[in-house]
Amino acid sequence: MTPRIELRAKVRAEPLPVGAVFARGAVAHALARRLVERMAAATDAGDERDRVDREPVEGISIVRAEHDGVPVLVAIGVPERLPWVDGAVWLGRAPEAPSVWLPTLCALEPHPALVASALTSDVSAPFVLVPEGARWIALSLARAHALDADLLAPLLVREAHP
């Protein structure tokens, strides 16, 4: 049996630098749509504008999963290349435990290094920790893939057929 740790979030004095965006449920569908739109713009051949549009999709990795039967999507990359959708959560690496990604305004108690040590038996590091009401979502980023429309397709199909 894995011991339970009570996690608490408090507001961080200084926001973490953005390195990823987290989305769940309908927000994950919207994020997937935005990523696919950027990929489509990047593949259009032609003028100088198209070459500029190509940059935002390079270097983005994604993790698609489900949490309690609800889709979850994380896009990882430099902030300028990450799309935003309403309801998404910006994530950054906790400097005191670089394998832990938290909402940028979130400070974690107990110390993130202790949490990372406790979680690695259940979740492969690096991982995301996002509060959801009284619970937390822990999602491994170890299997992140380069941005790929095929990986996002299930989110787009489910959105079209509720």
Protein backbone atom coordinates (compact mmCIF):
# COMPACT_ATOMS: atom_id res chain seq x y z
CA MET A 1 0.00 0.00 0.00
CA THR A 2 1.34 3.41 -0.97
CA PRO A 3 1.37 5.86 1.94
CA ARG A 4 -0.83 8.91 1.52
CA ILE A 5 0.68 12.35 1.57
CA GLU A 6 -1.50 15.37 2.16
CA LEU A 7 -0.54 17.95 -0.43
CA ARG A 8 -1.31 21.60 0.09
CA ALA A 9 -0.93 24.46 -2.33
CA LYS A 10 -0.26 28.03 -1.42
CA VAL A 11 0.38 31.02 -3.63
CA ARG A 12 4.00 31.30 -4.72
CA ALA A 13 5.65 34.68 -4.07
CA GLU A 14 7.34 34.64 -7.50
CA PRO A 15 5.66 32.78 -10.40
CA LEU A 16 7.58 29.89 -11.92
CA PRO A 17 8.81 30.42 -15.48
CA VAL A 18 6.30 28.90 -17.92
CA GLY A 19 7.38 25.69 -19.63
CA ALA A 20 4.11 23.86 -20.29
CA VAL A 21 0.33 24.21 -20.42
CA PHE A 22 -2.13 21.75 -18.82
CA ALA A 23 -5.72 21.18 -19.93
CA ARG A 24 -8.47 18.79 -18.79
CA GLY A 25 -11.89 17.91 -20.23
CA ALA A 26 -13.37 20.42 -22.67
CA VAL A 27 -10.28 22.59 -22.23
CA ALA A 28 -8.11 19.65 -23.44
CA HIS A 29 -10.29 19.45 -26.57
CA ALA A 30 -9.82 23.19 -27.17
CA LEU A 31 -6.05 22.95 -26.63
CA ALA A 32 -5.83 20.03 -29.07
CA ARG A 33 -7.76 22.04 -31.65
CA ARG A 34 -5.41 25.03 -31.22
CA LEU A 35 -2.34 22.81 -31.61
CA VAL A 36 -3.75 21.21 -34.78
CA GLU A 37 -4.58 24.66 -36.18
CA ARG A 38 -0.97 25.73 -35.62
CA MET A 39 0.29 22.56 -37.28
CA ALA A 40 -1.95 23.19 -40.29
CA ALA A 41 -0.65 26.76 -40.59
CA ALA A 42 2.92 25.47 -40.39
CA THR A 43 2.43 23.00 -43.25
CA ASP A 44 1.00 25.57 -45.67
CA ALA A 45 3.67 26.18 -48.30
CA GLY A 46 4.32 29.56 -49.75
CA ASP A 47 5.23 33.05 -48.71
CA GLU A 48 7.33 34.46 -45.86
CA ARG A 49 4.32 34.57 -43.52
CA ASP A 50 4.03 30.78 -43.71
CA ARG A 51 7.68 30.37 -42.71
CA VAL A 52 7.09 32.57 -39.66
CA ASP A 53 3.96 30.56 -38.73
CA ARG A 54 5.99 27.36 -38.84
CA GLU A 55 8.04 28.29 -35.77
CA PRO A 56 5.27 27.98 -33.14
CA VAL A 57 4.93 24.19 -33.55
CA GLU A 58 8.62 23.26 -33.56
CA GLY A 59 9.90 22.04 -30.23
CA ILE A 60 6.50 21.32 -28.67
CA SER A 61 5.99 17.96 -26.99
CA ILE A 62 2.68 16.61 -25.77
CA VAL A 63 1.34 14.11 -23.28
CA ARG A 64 -2.22 12.90 -23.76
CA ALA A 65 -3.87 10.82 -21.04
CA GLU A 66 -7.08 10.31 -19.11
CA HIS A 67 -7.77 11.08 -15.48
CA ASP A 68 -10.93 9.57 -14.02
CA GLY A 69 -12.17 8.99 -17.58
CA VAL A 70 -11.66 12.65 -18.57
CA PRO A 71 -9.07 13.60 -21.21
CA VAL A 72 -5.97 15.45 -20.09
CA LEU A 73 -3.46 17.15 -22.40
CA VAL A 74 -0.12 18.76 -21.59
CA ALA A 75 1.90 20.70 -24.16
CA ILE A 76 5.54 21.34 -23.24
CA GLY A 77 7.78 23.93 -24.87
CA VAL A 78 9.02 27.50 -24.77
CA PRO A 79 6.25 29.89 -23.67
CA GLU A 80 6.13 31.81 -26.95
CA ARG A 81 5.22 28.62 -28.81
CA LEU A 82 2.57 27.30 -26.43
CA PRO A 83 -1.03 28.10 -27.34
CA TRP A 84 -3.42 29.41 -24.74
CA VAL A 85 -7.06 28.44 -24.24
CA ASP A 86 -9.42 29.68 -21.54
CA GLY A 87 -9.34 27.38 -18.53
CA ALA A 88 -5.83 26.03 -19.18
CA VAL A 89 -3.14 26.13 -16.49
CA TRP A 90 0.41 27.37 -17.10
CA LEU A 91 3.03 25.06 -15.59
CA GLY A 92 6.64 25.53 -14.55
CA ARG A 93 9.36 23.39 -12.99
CA ALA A 94 9.72 23.68 -9.24
CA PRO A 95 13.31 24.90 -8.73
CA GLU A 96 13.58 22.93 -5.49
CA ALA A 97 12.61 19.69 -7.35
CA PRO A 98 13.10 20.04 -11.15
CA SER A 99 11.24 16.79 -11.90
CA VAL A 100 8.04 18.34 -10.50
CA TRP A 101 5.96 20.62 -12.74
CA LEU A 102 3.41 22.78 -10.91
CA PRO A 103 1.00 25.58 -11.77
CA THR A 104 3.18 28.67 -12.04
CA LEU A 105 1.58 30.37 -9.04
CA CYS A 106 1.59 27.25 -6.85
CA ALA A 107 3.98 26.51 -3.99
CA LEU A 108 3.70 22.95 -2.76
CA GLU A 109 3.68 21.68 0.83
CA PRO A 110 5.32 19.47 1.91
CA HIS A 111 8.57 20.26 0.11
CA PRO A 112 8.40 19.25 -3.60
CA ALA A 113 11.54 17.09 -3.29
CA LEU A 114 9.80 14.96 -0.63
CA VAL A 115 6.70 14.70 -2.81
CA ALA A 116 8.82 13.74 -5.83
CA SER A 117 10.55 11.04 -3.82
CA ALA A 118 7.25 9.62 -2.60
CA LEU A 119 5.56 9.71 -6.02
CA THR A 120 8.30 8.12 -8.12
CA SER A 121 7.18 4.65 -7.01
CA ASP A 122 3.78 5.31 -8.67
CA VAL A 123 4.47 7.92 -11.36
CA SER A 124 7.55 8.11 -13.58
CA ALA A 125 9.44 11.38 -13.26
CA PRO A 126 9.25 14.05 -14.47
CA PHE A 127 5.62 14.64 -13.63
CA VAL A 128 2.90 17.26 -13.40
CA LEU A 129 1.01 17.92 -10.18
CA VAL A 130 -2.16 19.99 -10.58
CA PRO A 131 -4.74 20.55 -7.85
CA GLU A 132 -8.30 19.63 -8.68
CA GLY A 133 -10.53 20.58 -5.80
CA ALA A 134 -9.39 18.61 -2.76
CA ARG A 135 -7.52 16.10 -4.97
CA TRP A 136 -4.42 16.35 -7.14
CA ILE A 137 -3.75 15.10 -10.65
CA ALA A 138 -0.33 13.46 -11.01
CA LEU A 139 0.67 12.83 -14.62
CA SER A 140 4.00 11.51 -15.86
CA LEU A 141 5.75 13.48 -18.59
CA ALA A 142 8.23 10.64 -19.19
CA ARG A 143 6.38 9.53 -22.32
CA ALA A 144 6.08 12.95 -23.94
CA HIS A 145 5.98 12.79 -27.74
CA ALA A 146 6.77 15.36 -30.38
CA LEU A 147 3.66 17.23 -31.46
CA ASP A 148 1.70 14.91 -33.75
CA ALA A 149 -1.80 15.33 -35.18
CA ASP A 150 -2.42 11.58 -34.89
CA LEU A 151 -1.91 11.75 -31.13
CA LEU A 152 -4.38 14.63 -30.89
CA ALA A 153 -6.99 13.04 -33.20
CA PRO A 154 -8.90 11.22 -30.40
CA LEU A 155 -9.49 14.54 -28.65
CA LEU A 156 -10.85 16.07 -31.84
CA VAL A 157 -13.14 13.09 -32.58
CA ARG A 158 -14.61 13.05 -29.07
CA GLU A 159 -15.21 16.76 -29.28
CA ALA A 160 -17.14 16.37 -32.53
CA HIS A 161 -19.28 13.52 -31.10
CA PRO A 162 -20.15 14.30 -27.46
